C-alpha atoms as a PDB file:
ATOM      1  CA  UNK A   1     -55.996  75.565  -7.199  1.00  0.00           C
ATOM      2  CA  UNK A   2     -56.004  71.882  -8.245  1.00  0.00           C
ATOM      3  CA  UNK A   3     -52.262  71.977  -8.854  1.00  0.00           C
ATOM      4  CA  UNK A   4     -51.657  73.637  -5.531  1.00  0.00           C
ATOM      5  CA  UNK A   5     -53.733  71.110  -3.645  1.00  0.00           C
ATOM      6  CA  UNK A   6     -51.891  68.208  -5.378  1.00  0.00           C
ATOM      7  CA  UNK A   7     -48.528  69.673  -4.447  1.00  0.00           C
ATOM      8  CA  UNK A   8     -49.662  70.128  -0.875  1.00  0.00           C
ATOM      9  CA  UNK A   9     -50.819  66.486  -0.644  1.00  0.00           C
ATOM     10  CA  UNK A  10     -47.512  65.262  -2.092  1.00  0.00           C
ATOM     11  CA  UNK A  11     -45.534  67.321   0.426  1.00  0.00           C
ATOM     12  CA  UNK A  12     -47.582  65.958   3.300  1.00  0.00           C
ATOM     13  CA  UNK A  13     -47.050  62.359   2.169  1.00  0.00           C
ATOM     14  CA  UNK A  14     -43.319  62.988   1.838  1.00  0.00           C
ATOM     15  CA  UNK A  15     -43.086  64.439   5.328  1.00  0.00           C
ATOM     16  CA  UNK A  16     -45.050  61.501   6.745  1.00  0.00           C
ATOM     17  CA  UNK A  17     -42.404  58.960   5.581  1.00  0.00           C
ATOM     18  CA  UNK A  18     -39.619  58.081   8.020  1.00  0.00           C
ATOM     19  CA  UNK A  19     -36.169  59.431   7.435  1.00  0.00           C
ATOM     20  CA  UNK A  20     -34.017  57.276   5.182  1.00  0.00           C
ATOM     21  CA  UNK A  21     -36.990  55.470   3.598  1.00  0.00           C
ATOM     22  CA  UNK A  22     -37.180  55.591  -0.221  1.00  0.00           C
ATOM     23  CA  UNK A  23     -39.799  57.810  -1.747  1.00  0.00           C
ATOM     24  CA  UNK A  24     -42.612  55.938  -3.497  1.00  0.00           C
ATOM     25  CA  UNK A  25     -44.659  58.884  -4.722  1.00  0.00           C
ATOM     26  CA  UNK A  26     -43.931  61.541  -7.285  1.00  0.00           C
ATOM     27  CA  UNK A  27     -45.341  65.056  -7.405  1.00  0.00           C
ATOM     28  CA  UNK A  28     -47.748  63.905 -10.071  1.00  0.00           C
ATOM     29  CA  UNK A  29     -49.265  61.397  -7.612  1.00  0.00           C
ATOM     30  CA  UNK A  30     -47.867  58.227  -9.336  1.00  0.00           C
ATOM     31  CA  UNK A  31     -45.960  55.510  -7.453  1.00  0.00           C
ATOM     32  CA  UNK A  32     -42.326  54.942  -8.523  1.00  0.00           C
ATOM     33  CA  UNK A  33     -39.987  52.084  -7.461  1.00  0.00           C
ATOM     34  CA  UNK A  34     -36.546  53.052  -6.187  1.00  0.00           C
ATOM     35  CA  UNK A  35     -33.534  51.985  -8.262  1.00  0.00           C
ATOM     36  CA  UNK A  36     -31.615  48.912  -6.974  1.00  0.00           C
ATOM     37  CA  UNK A  37     -28.502  50.855  -6.126  1.00  0.00           C
ATOM     38  CA  UNK A  38     -30.505  53.413  -4.163  1.00  0.00           C
ATOM     39  CA  UNK A  39     -32.495  50.728  -2.344  1.00  0.00           C
ATOM     40  CA  UNK A  40     -29.397  48.829  -1.038  1.00  0.00           C
ATOM     41  CA  UNK A  41     -26.138  50.584  -1.948  1.00  0.00           C
ATOM     42  CA  UNK A  42     -24.025  48.305   0.332  1.00  0.00           C
ATOM     43  CA  UNK A  43     -25.181  45.076  -1.391  1.00  0.00           C
ATOM     44  CA  UNK A  44     -24.644  46.565  -4.830  1.00  0.00           C
ATOM     45  CA  UNK A  45     -21.122  47.618  -3.938  1.00  0.00           C
ATOM     46  CA  UNK A  46     -20.265  44.167  -2.524  1.00  0.00           C
ATOM     47  CA  UNK A  47     -21.632  42.392  -5.618  1.00  0.00           C
ATOM     48  CA  UNK A  48     -19.559  44.559  -7.913  1.00  0.00           C
ATOM     49  CA  UNK A  49     -16.441  44.142  -5.765  1.00  0.00           C
ATOM     50  CA  UNK A  50     -16.778  40.338  -5.196  1.00  0.00           C
ATOM     51  CA  UNK A  51     -18.445  38.749  -8.215  1.00  0.00           C
ATOM     52  CA  UNK A  52     -17.246  35.196  -7.228  1.00  0.00           C
ATOM     53  CA  UNK A  53     -18.625  33.626  -4.070  1.00  0.00           C
ATOM     54  CA  UNK A  54     -17.954  30.270  -2.379  1.00  0.00           C
ATOM     55  CA  UNK A  55     -20.851  28.451  -0.755  1.00  0.00           C
ATOM     56  CA  UNK A  56     -20.239  25.530   1.663  1.00  0.00           C
ATOM     57  CA  UNK A  57     -23.064  23.174   2.441  1.00  0.00           C
ATOM     58  CA  UNK A  58     -23.471  19.915   4.354  1.00  0.00           C
ATOM     59  CA  UNK A  59     -25.126  17.839   1.665  1.00  0.00           C
ATOM     60  CA  UNK A  60     -24.463  14.112   1.900  1.00  0.00           C
ATOM     61  CA  UNK A  61     -23.749  14.154   5.625  1.00  0.00           C
ATOM     62  CA  UNK A  62     -25.659  10.907   5.970  1.00  0.00           C
ATOM     63  CA  UNK A  63     -23.343   9.115   3.465  1.00  0.00           C
ATOM     64  CA  UNK A  64     -20.208   7.219   4.642  1.00  0.00           C
ATOM     65  CA  UNK A  65     -17.172   9.431   5.107  1.00  0.00           C
ATOM     66  CA  UNK A  66     -14.561   9.494   2.340  1.00  0.00           C
ATOM     67  CA  UNK A  67     -10.908  10.444   2.659  1.00  0.00           C
ATOM     68  CA  UNK A  68     -10.028  13.705   0.997  1.00  0.00           C
ATOM     69  CA  UNK A  69      -7.586  13.901  -1.871  1.00  0.00           C
ATOM     70  CA  UNK A  70      -4.883  15.319   0.392  1.00  0.00           C
ATOM     71  CA  UNK A  71      -5.177  12.444   2.846  1.00  0.00           C
ATOM     72  CA  UNK A  72      -5.125   9.919  -0.007  1.00  0.00           C
ATOM     73  CA  UNK A  73      -1.922  11.482  -1.394  1.00  0.00           C
ATOM     74  CA  UNK A  74      -0.270  11.314   2.028  1.00  0.00           C
ATOM     75  CA  UNK A  75      -1.274   7.657   2.399  1.00  0.00           C
ATOM     76  CA  UNK A  76      -0.003   6.892  -1.104  1.00  0.00           C
ATOM     77  CA  UNK A  77       3.390   8.484  -0.410  1.00  0.00           C
ATOM     78  CA  UNK A  78       3.606   6.587   2.889  1.00  0.00           C
ATOM     79  CA  UNK A  79       2.761   3.339   1.103  1.00  0.00           C
ATOM     80  CA  UNK A  80       5.460   3.968  -1.496  1.00  0.00           C
ATOM     81  CA  UNK A  81       8.029   4.606   1.242  1.00  0.00           C
ATOM     82  CA  UNK A  82       7.239   1.357   3.063  1.00  0.00           C
ATOM     83  CA  UNK A  83       6.635  -0.680  -0.107  1.00  0.00           C
ATOM     84  CA  UNK A  84      10.106  -2.324   0.009  1.00  0.00           C
ATOM     85  CA  UNK A  85       9.418  -3.513   3.547  1.00  0.00           C
ATOM     86  CA  UNK A  86       6.021  -4.855   2.506  1.00  0.00           C
ATOM     87  CA  UNK A  87       7.590  -6.748  -0.409  1.00  0.00           C
ATOM     88  CA  UNK A  88      10.324  -8.162   1.832  1.00  0.00           C
ATOM     89  CA  UNK A  89       8.166  -9.216   4.763  1.00  0.00           C
ATOM     90  CA  UNK A  90       4.687  -9.984   3.395  1.00  0.00           C
ATOM     91  CA  UNK A  91       5.504 -11.943   0.236  1.00  0.00           C
ATOM     92  CA  UNK A  92       7.648 -14.895  -0.800  1.00  0.00           C
ATOM     93  CA  UNK A  93      10.681 -12.682  -1.440  1.00  0.00           C
ATOM     94  CA  UNK A  94      12.500 -13.379   1.839  1.00  0.00           C
ATOM     95  CA  UNK A  95      12.568 -17.172   1.460  1.00  0.00           C
ATOM     96  CA  UNK A  96      13.651 -17.014  -2.185  1.00  0.00           C
ATOM     97  CA  UNK A  97      16.505 -14.548  -1.758  1.00  0.00           C
ATOM     98  CA  UNK A  98      17.864 -16.375   1.323  1.00  0.00           C
ATOM     99  CA  UNK A  99      17.879 -19.756  -0.435  1.00  0.00           C
ATOM    100  CA  UNK A 100      19.554 -18.311  -3.532  1.00  0.00           C
ATOM    101  CA  UNK A 101      22.185 -16.734  -1.292  1.00  0.00           C
ATOM    102  CA  UNK A 102      22.828 -20.108   0.346  1.00  0.00           C
ATOM    103  CA  UNK A 103      23.281 -21.719  -3.079  1.00  0.00           C
ATOM    104  CA  UNK A 104      25.902 -19.186  -4.034  1.00  0.00           C
ATOM    105  CA  UNK A 105      27.753 -19.677  -0.747  1.00  0.00           C
ATOM    106  CA  UNK A 106      27.594 -23.481  -0.971  1.00  0.00           C
ATOM    107  CA  UNK A 107      29.115 -23.399  -4.439  1.00  0.00           C
ATOM    108  CA  UNK A 108      32.029 -21.375  -3.087  1.00  0.00           C
ATOM    109  CA  UNK A 109      31.620 -18.484  -5.527  1.00  0.00           C
ATOM    110  CA  UNK A 110      30.536 -15.487  -3.418  1.00  0.00           C
ATOM    111  CA  UNK A 111      30.479 -13.110  -6.378  1.00  0.00           C
ATOM    112  CA  UNK A 112      28.773 -15.239  -9.043  1.00  0.00           C
ATOM    113  CA  UNK A 113      25.953 -14.641  -9.603  1.00  0.00           C
ATOM    114  CA  UNK A 114      26.110 -11.060  -8.370  1.00  0.00           C
ATOM    115  CA  UNK A 115      23.789  -9.518  -5.807  1.00  0.00           C
ATOM    116  CA  UNK A 116      21.831  -7.716  -8.511  1.00  0.00           C
ATOM    117  CA  UNK A 117      21.094 -10.973 -10.313  1.00  0.00           C
ATOM    118  CA  UNK A 118      20.111 -12.742  -7.089  1.00  0.00           C
ATOM    119  CA  UNK A 119      17.753  -9.938  -6.035  1.00  0.00           C
ATOM    120  CA  UNK A 120      16.319  -9.568  -9.538  1.00  0.00           C
ATOM    121  CA  UNK A 121      15.627 -13.283  -9.877  1.00  0.00           C
ATOM    122  CA  UNK A 122      14.052 -13.355  -6.409  1.00  0.00           C
ATOM    123  CA  UNK A 123      11.884 -10.365  -7.280  1.00  0.00           C
ATOM    124  CA  UNK A 124      10.524 -11.848 -10.495  1.00  0.00           C
ATOM    125  CA  UNK A 125       9.929 -15.209  -8.848  1.00  0.00           C
ATOM    126  CA  UNK A 126       8.026 -13.320  -6.159  1.00  0.00           C
ATOM    127  CA  UNK A 127       5.828 -11.673  -8.806  1.00  0.00           C
ATOM    128  CA  UNK A 128       5.206 -15.073 -10.356  1.00  0.00           C
ATOM    129  CA  UNK A 129       4.274 -16.759  -7.078  1.00  0.00           C
ATOM    130  CA  UNK A 130       2.220 -13.835  -5.789  1.00  0.00           C
ATOM    131  CA  UNK A 131       0.366 -13.394  -9.092  1.00  0.00           C
ATOM    132  CA  UNK A 132      -2.918 -15.019  -7.943  1.00  0.00           C
ATOM    133  CA  UNK A 133      -2.830 -12.967  -4.730  1.00  0.00           C
ATOM    134  CA  UNK A 134      -2.281  -9.716  -6.619  1.00  0.00           C
ATOM    135  CA  UNK A 135      -5.110 -10.612  -9.003  1.00  0.00           C
ATOM    136  CA  UNK A 136      -7.478 -11.079  -6.047  1.00  0.00           C
ATOM    137  CA  UNK A 137      -6.428  -7.723  -4.596  1.00  0.00           C
ATOM    138  CA  UNK A 138      -7.028  -6.040  -7.957  1.00  0.00           C
ATOM    139  CA  UNK A 139     -10.419  -7.653  -8.580  1.00  0.00           C
ATOM    140  CA  UNK A 140     -11.816  -7.447  -5.059  1.00  0.00           C
ATOM    141  CA  UNK A 141     -10.403  -4.124  -3.841  1.00  0.00           C
ATOM    142  CA  UNK A 142      -8.782  -1.868  -6.431  1.00  0.00           C
ATOM    143  CA  UNK A 143     -11.254  -2.123  -9.300  1.00  0.00           C
ATOM    144  CA  UNK A 144     -14.388  -1.633  -7.125  1.00  0.00           C
ATOM    145  CA  UNK A 145     -12.684   1.322  -5.413  1.00  0.00           C
ATOM    146  CA  UNK A 146     -11.756   2.969  -8.725  1.00  0.00           C
ATOM    147  CA  UNK A 147     -15.322   2.375  -9.945  1.00  0.00           C
ATOM    148  CA  UNK A 148     -16.664   4.154  -6.864  1.00  0.00           C
ATOM    149  CA  UNK A 149     -18.727   1.227  -5.594  1.00  0.00           C
ATOM    150  CA  UNK A 150     -16.810   0.959  -2.278  1.00  0.00           C
ATOM    151  CA  UNK A 151     -15.105   3.494  -0.054  1.00  0.00           C
ATOM    152  CA  UNK A 152     -11.415   3.603   0.855  1.00  0.00           C
ATOM    153  CA  UNK A 153     -11.766   1.824   4.202  1.00  0.00           C
ATOM    154  CA  UNK A 154     -13.568  -1.107   2.604  1.00  0.00           C
ATOM    155  CA  UNK A 155     -10.930  -1.249  -0.158  1.00  0.00           C
ATOM    156  CA  UNK A 156      -8.098  -1.478   2.394  1.00  0.00           C
ATOM    157  CA  UNK A 157      -9.910  -4.195   4.302  1.00  0.00           C
ATOM    158  CA  UNK A 158     -10.547  -6.237   1.160  1.00  0.00           C
ATOM    159  CA  UNK A 159      -6.957  -5.785  -0.053  1.00  0.00           C
ATOM    160  CA  UNK A 160      -5.533  -7.153   3.199  1.00  0.00           C
ATOM    161  CA  UNK A 161      -7.567 -10.369   3.103  1.00  0.00           C
ATOM    162  CA  UNK A 162      -5.715 -12.112   0.194  1.00  0.00           C
ATOM    163  CA  UNK A 163      -2.324 -11.227   1.692  1.00  0.00           C
ATOM    164  CA  UNK A 164      -3.453 -12.464   5.082  1.00  0.00           C
ATOM    165  CA  UNK A 165      -4.668 -15.766   3.604  1.00  0.00           C
ATOM    166  CA  UNK A 166      -1.345 -16.266   1.799  1.00  0.00           C
ATOM    167  CA  UNK A 167       0.710 -15.584   4.923  1.00  0.00           C
ATOM    168  CA  UNK A 168      -1.409 -17.860   7.095  1.00  0.00           C
ATOM    169  CA  UNK A 169      -0.884 -20.764   4.678  1.00  0.00           C
ATOM    170  CA  UNK A 170       2.893 -20.453   5.052  1.00  0.00           C
ATOM    171  CA  UNK A 171       2.971 -19.784   8.809  1.00  0.00           C
ATOM    172  CA  UNK A 172       3.506 -22.429  11.456  1.00  0.00           C
ATOM    173  CA  UNK A 173       0.894 -22.767  14.159  1.00  0.00           C
ATOM    174  CA  UNK A 174       3.406 -22.529  16.976  1.00  0.00           C
ATOM    175  CA  UNK A 175       4.608 -19.135  15.709  1.00  0.00           C
ATOM    176  CA  UNK A 176       1.053 -17.811  15.633  1.00  0.00           C
ATOM    177  CA  UNK A 177       0.412 -19.122  19.133  1.00  0.00           C
ATOM    178  CA  UNK A 178       3.629 -17.559  20.405  1.00  0.00           C
ATOM    179  CA  UNK A 179       2.785 -14.068  19.133  1.00  0.00           C
ATOM    180  CA  UNK A 180      -0.806 -14.398  20.337  1.00  0.00           C
ATOM    181  CA  UNK A 181       0.501 -15.208  23.796  1.00  0.00           C
ATOM    182  CA  UNK A 182       3.107 -12.450  23.581  1.00  0.00           C
ATOM    183  CA  UNK A 183       0.451  -9.890  22.633  1.00  0.00           C
ATOM    184  CA  UNK A 184      -1.919 -10.945  25.402  1.00  0.00           C
ATOM    185  CA  UNK A 185      -4.635 -12.231  23.082  1.00  0.00           C
ATOM    186  CA  UNK A 186      -7.012 -14.922  24.168  1.00  0.00           C
ATOM    187  CA  UNK A 187      -8.239 -17.791  22.016  1.00  0.00           C
ATOM    188  CA  UNK A 188      -8.741 -16.225  18.593  1.00  0.00           C
ATOM    189  CA  UNK A 189     -10.217 -17.672  15.421  1.00  0.00           C
ATOM    190  CA  UNK A 190      -7.984 -17.768  12.361  1.00  0.00           C
ATOM    191  CA  UNK A 191     -10.153 -15.303  10.441  1.00  0.00           C
ATOM    192  CA  UNK A 192      -9.998 -12.828  13.336  1.00  0.00           C
ATOM    193  CA  UNK A 193      -6.211 -12.810  13.711  1.00  0.00           C
ATOM    194  CA  UNK A 194      -4.837  -9.243  13.547  1.00  0.00           C
ATOM    195  CA  UNK A 195      -2.142  -8.366  11.054  1.00  0.00           C
ATOM    196  CA  UNK A 196       0.283  -7.378  13.829  1.00  0.00           C
ATOM    197  CA  UNK A 197       0.269 -11.028  14.870  1.00  0.00           C
ATOM    198  CA  UNK A 198       0.237 -12.591  11.394  1.00  0.00           C
ATOM    199  CA  UNK A 199       3.129 -10.596   9.907  1.00  0.00           C
ATOM    200  CA  UNK A 200       5.854 -11.351  12.515  1.00  0.00           C
ATOM    201  CA  UNK A 201       4.755 -14.992  12.740  1.00  0.00           C
ATOM    202  CA  UNK A 202       4.984 -15.245   8.948  1.00  0.00           C
ATOM    203  CA  UNK A 203       8.477 -13.709   8.904  1.00  0.00           C
ATOM    204  CA  UNK A 204       9.768 -16.107  11.559  1.00  0.00           C
ATOM    205  CA  UNK A 205       8.305 -19.078   9.698  1.00  0.00           C
ATOM    206  CA  UNK A 206       9.838 -17.940   6.426  1.00  0.00           C
ATOM    207  CA  UNK A 207      13.284 -17.610   8.000  1.00  0.00           C
ATOM    208  CA  UNK A 208      12.975 -21.075   9.512  1.00  0.00           C
ATOM    209  CA  UNK A 209      11.939 -22.637   6.203  1.00  0.00           C
ATOM    210  CA  UNK A 210      14.656 -20.810   4.253  1.00  0.00           C
ATOM    211  CA  UNK A 211      17.417 -22.014   6.608  1.00  0.00           C
ATOM    212  CA  UNK A 212      16.132 -25.571   6.465  1.00  0.00           C
ATOM    213  CA  UNK A 213      16.278 -25.502   2.669  1.00  0.00           C
ATOM    214  CA  UNK A 214      19.738 -23.937   2.818  1.00  0.00           C
ATOM    215  CA  UNK A 215      21.008 -26.726   5.066  1.00  0.00           C
ATOM    216  CA  UNK A 216      19.784 -29.375   2.632  1.00  0.00           C
ATOM    217  CA  UNK A 217      21.481 -27.538  -0.219  1.00  0.00           C
ATOM    218  CA  UNK A 218      24.810 -27.476   1.624  1.00  0.00           C
ATOM    219  CA  UNK A 219      24.966 -31.241   2.175  1.00  0.00           C
ATOM    220  CA  UNK A 220      26.039 -32.440  -1.315  1.00  0.00           C
ATOM    221  CA  UNK A 221      28.634 -29.692  -1.680  1.00  0.00           C
ATOM    222  CA  UNK A 222      29.922 -30.396   1.818  1.00  0.00           C
ATOM    223  CA  UNK A 223      30.433 -34.045   0.905  1.00  0.00           C
ATOM    224  CA  UNK A 224      32.495 -32.996  -2.113  1.00  0.00           C
ATOM    225  CA  UNK A 225      34.646 -30.780   0.125  1.00  0.00           C
ATOM    226  CA  UNK A 226      35.242 -33.693   2.507  1.00  0.00           C
ATOM    227  CA  UNK A 227      36.240 -36.027  -0.329  1.00  0.00           C
ATOM    228  CA  UNK A 228      38.600 -33.520  -1.866  1.00  0.00           C
ATOM    229  CA  UNK A 229      40.216 -32.742   1.496  1.00  0.00           C
ATOM    230  CA  UNK A 230      40.702 -36.451   2.245  1.00  0.00           C
ATOM    231  CA  UNK A 231      42.321 -37.052  -1.139  1.00  0.00           C
ATOM    232  CA  UNK A 232      44.655 -34.105  -0.740  1.00  0.00           C
ATOM    233  CA  UNK A 233      45.638 -35.226   2.758  1.00  0.00           C
ATOM    234  CA  UNK A 234      46.339 -38.761   1.532  1.00  0.00           C
ATOM    235  CA  UNK A 235      48.530 -37.403  -1.267  1.00  0.00           C
ATOM    236  CA  UNK A 236      50.475 -35.230   1.131  1.00  0.00           C
ATOM    237  CA  UNK A 237      49.303 -32.010  -0.501  1.00  0.00           C
ATOM    238  CA  UNK A 238      48.520 -30.284   2.782  1.00  0.00           C
ATOM    239  CA  UNK A 239      49.486 -26.857   1.468  1.00  0.00           C
ATOM    240  CA  UNK A 240      46.992 -27.094  -1.384  1.00  0.00           C
ATOM    241  CA  UNK A 241      43.729 -25.224  -0.584  1.00  0.00           C
ATOM    242  CA  UNK A 242      40.840 -27.722  -0.849  1.00  0.00           C
ATOM    243  CA  UNK A 243      38.463 -25.073  -2.172  1.00  0.00           C
ATOM    244  CA  UNK A 244      40.571 -24.561  -5.281  1.00  0.00           C
ATOM    245  CA  UNK A 245      40.282 -28.263  -6.187  1.00  0.00           C
ATOM    246  CA  UNK A 246      36.701 -28.824  -5.062  1.00  0.00           C
ATOM    247  CA  UNK A 247      35.234 -25.798  -6.851  1.00  0.00           C
ATOM    248  CA  UNK A 248      35.362 -27.325 -10.370  1.00  0.00           C
ATOM    249  CA  UNK A 249      33.796 -30.544  -9.085  1.00  0.00           C
ATOM    250  CA  UNK A 250      30.989 -28.670  -7.355  1.00  0.00           C
ATOM    251  CA  UNK A 251      30.285 -26.623 -10.468  1.00  0.00           C
ATOM    252  CA  UNK A 252      30.313 -29.793 -12.577  1.00  0.00           C
ATOM    253  CA  UNK A 253      27.866 -31.514 -10.240  1.00  0.00           C
ATOM    254  CA  UNK A 254      25.597 -28.457 -10.172  1.00  0.00           C
ATOM    255  CA  UNK A 255      25.518 -28.255 -13.967  1.00  0.00           C
ATOM    256  CA  UNK A 256      24.982 -31.994 -14.499  1.00  0.00           C
ATOM    257  CA  UNK A 257      21.933 -32.146 -12.216  1.00  0.00           C
ATOM    258  CA  UNK A 258      20.516 -28.914 -13.704  1.00  0.00           C
ATOM    259  CA  UNK A 259      20.784 -27.192 -10.359  1.00  0.00           C
ATOM    260  CA  UNK A 260      19.050 -23.899 -11.123  1.00  0.00           C
ATOM    261  CA  UNK A 261      15.998 -25.660 -12.475  1.00  0.00           C
ATOM    262  CA  UNK A 262      15.787 -27.902  -9.410  1.00  0.00           C
ATOM    263  CA  UNK A 263      16.218 -24.993  -6.999  1.00  0.00           C
ATOM    264  CA  UNK A 264      13.619 -22.769  -8.671  1.00  0.00           C
ATOM    265  CA  UNK A 265      11.204 -25.704  -8.929  1.00  0.00           C
ATOM    266  CA  UNK A 266      11.673 -26.536  -5.257  1.00  0.00           C
ATOM    267  CA  UNK A 267      11.185 -22.902  -4.255  1.00  0.00           C
ATOM    268  CA  UNK A 268       7.973 -22.480  -6.220  1.00  0.00           C
ATOM    269  CA  UNK A 269       6.534 -25.767  -4.999  1.00  0.00           C
ATOM    270  CA  UNK A 270       7.411 -24.988  -1.383  1.00  0.00           C
ATOM    271  CA  UNK A 271       4.699 -22.306  -1.224  1.00  0.00           C
ATOM    272  CA  UNK A 272       1.110 -23.252  -0.486  1.00  0.00           C
ATOM    273  CA  UNK A 273      -1.248 -21.120  -2.594  1.00  0.00           C
END
């Protein structure tokens, strides 16, 4: 009778549970916990099928935004593609290569030294002159950025300041005023000048300075050409090309005065650092 009454009570408790609910009682009257797979078969199946999960959170939303690696790679590739233009227009390269080209033309030897030598010499002189500026960019922008103490926007802003200071020291005031007026800017302090005004004004000033130096370089060689032409005319040698006779004299004069040393010295000293 006791067994029968226990079985009857267990059956009543089982019938009282809602359909689909796990059974917590056994016929012996003891509570049993359902197995995990029986309690939630869908979750167990998903865990076994997808053991790796990706969680995305918004931690650090209050910190300053940083450019992703993909954006940094795109900016780096863009910088490498426009690097020749930056070297040509934002450094001392333009003035140096133009003056060296004028020297070669004034001597009357258009192929000596060759273009590769002229460009190479101008490039290394540019590295020498721009050395202090590059050191400032490295110490104030690149190294703090690589150390993680500043973000990318601050690094770009700090890197542009030394270049801007160098260009402003070589730029004429009238060129800056012209591009300020052309761009519709009002009275602007020097420290607040935008780069789109500084860069073209710097290029125009560099071209002006380079042509002035080239004119001064032409004068002594032009005098030699005049003297040689006058002598040939007085001797009746009108069919003799003056350049053939004047070239050795121009080379001799250039070597005697140590022309390359004087030109490189004048170029380096013409920049205000």
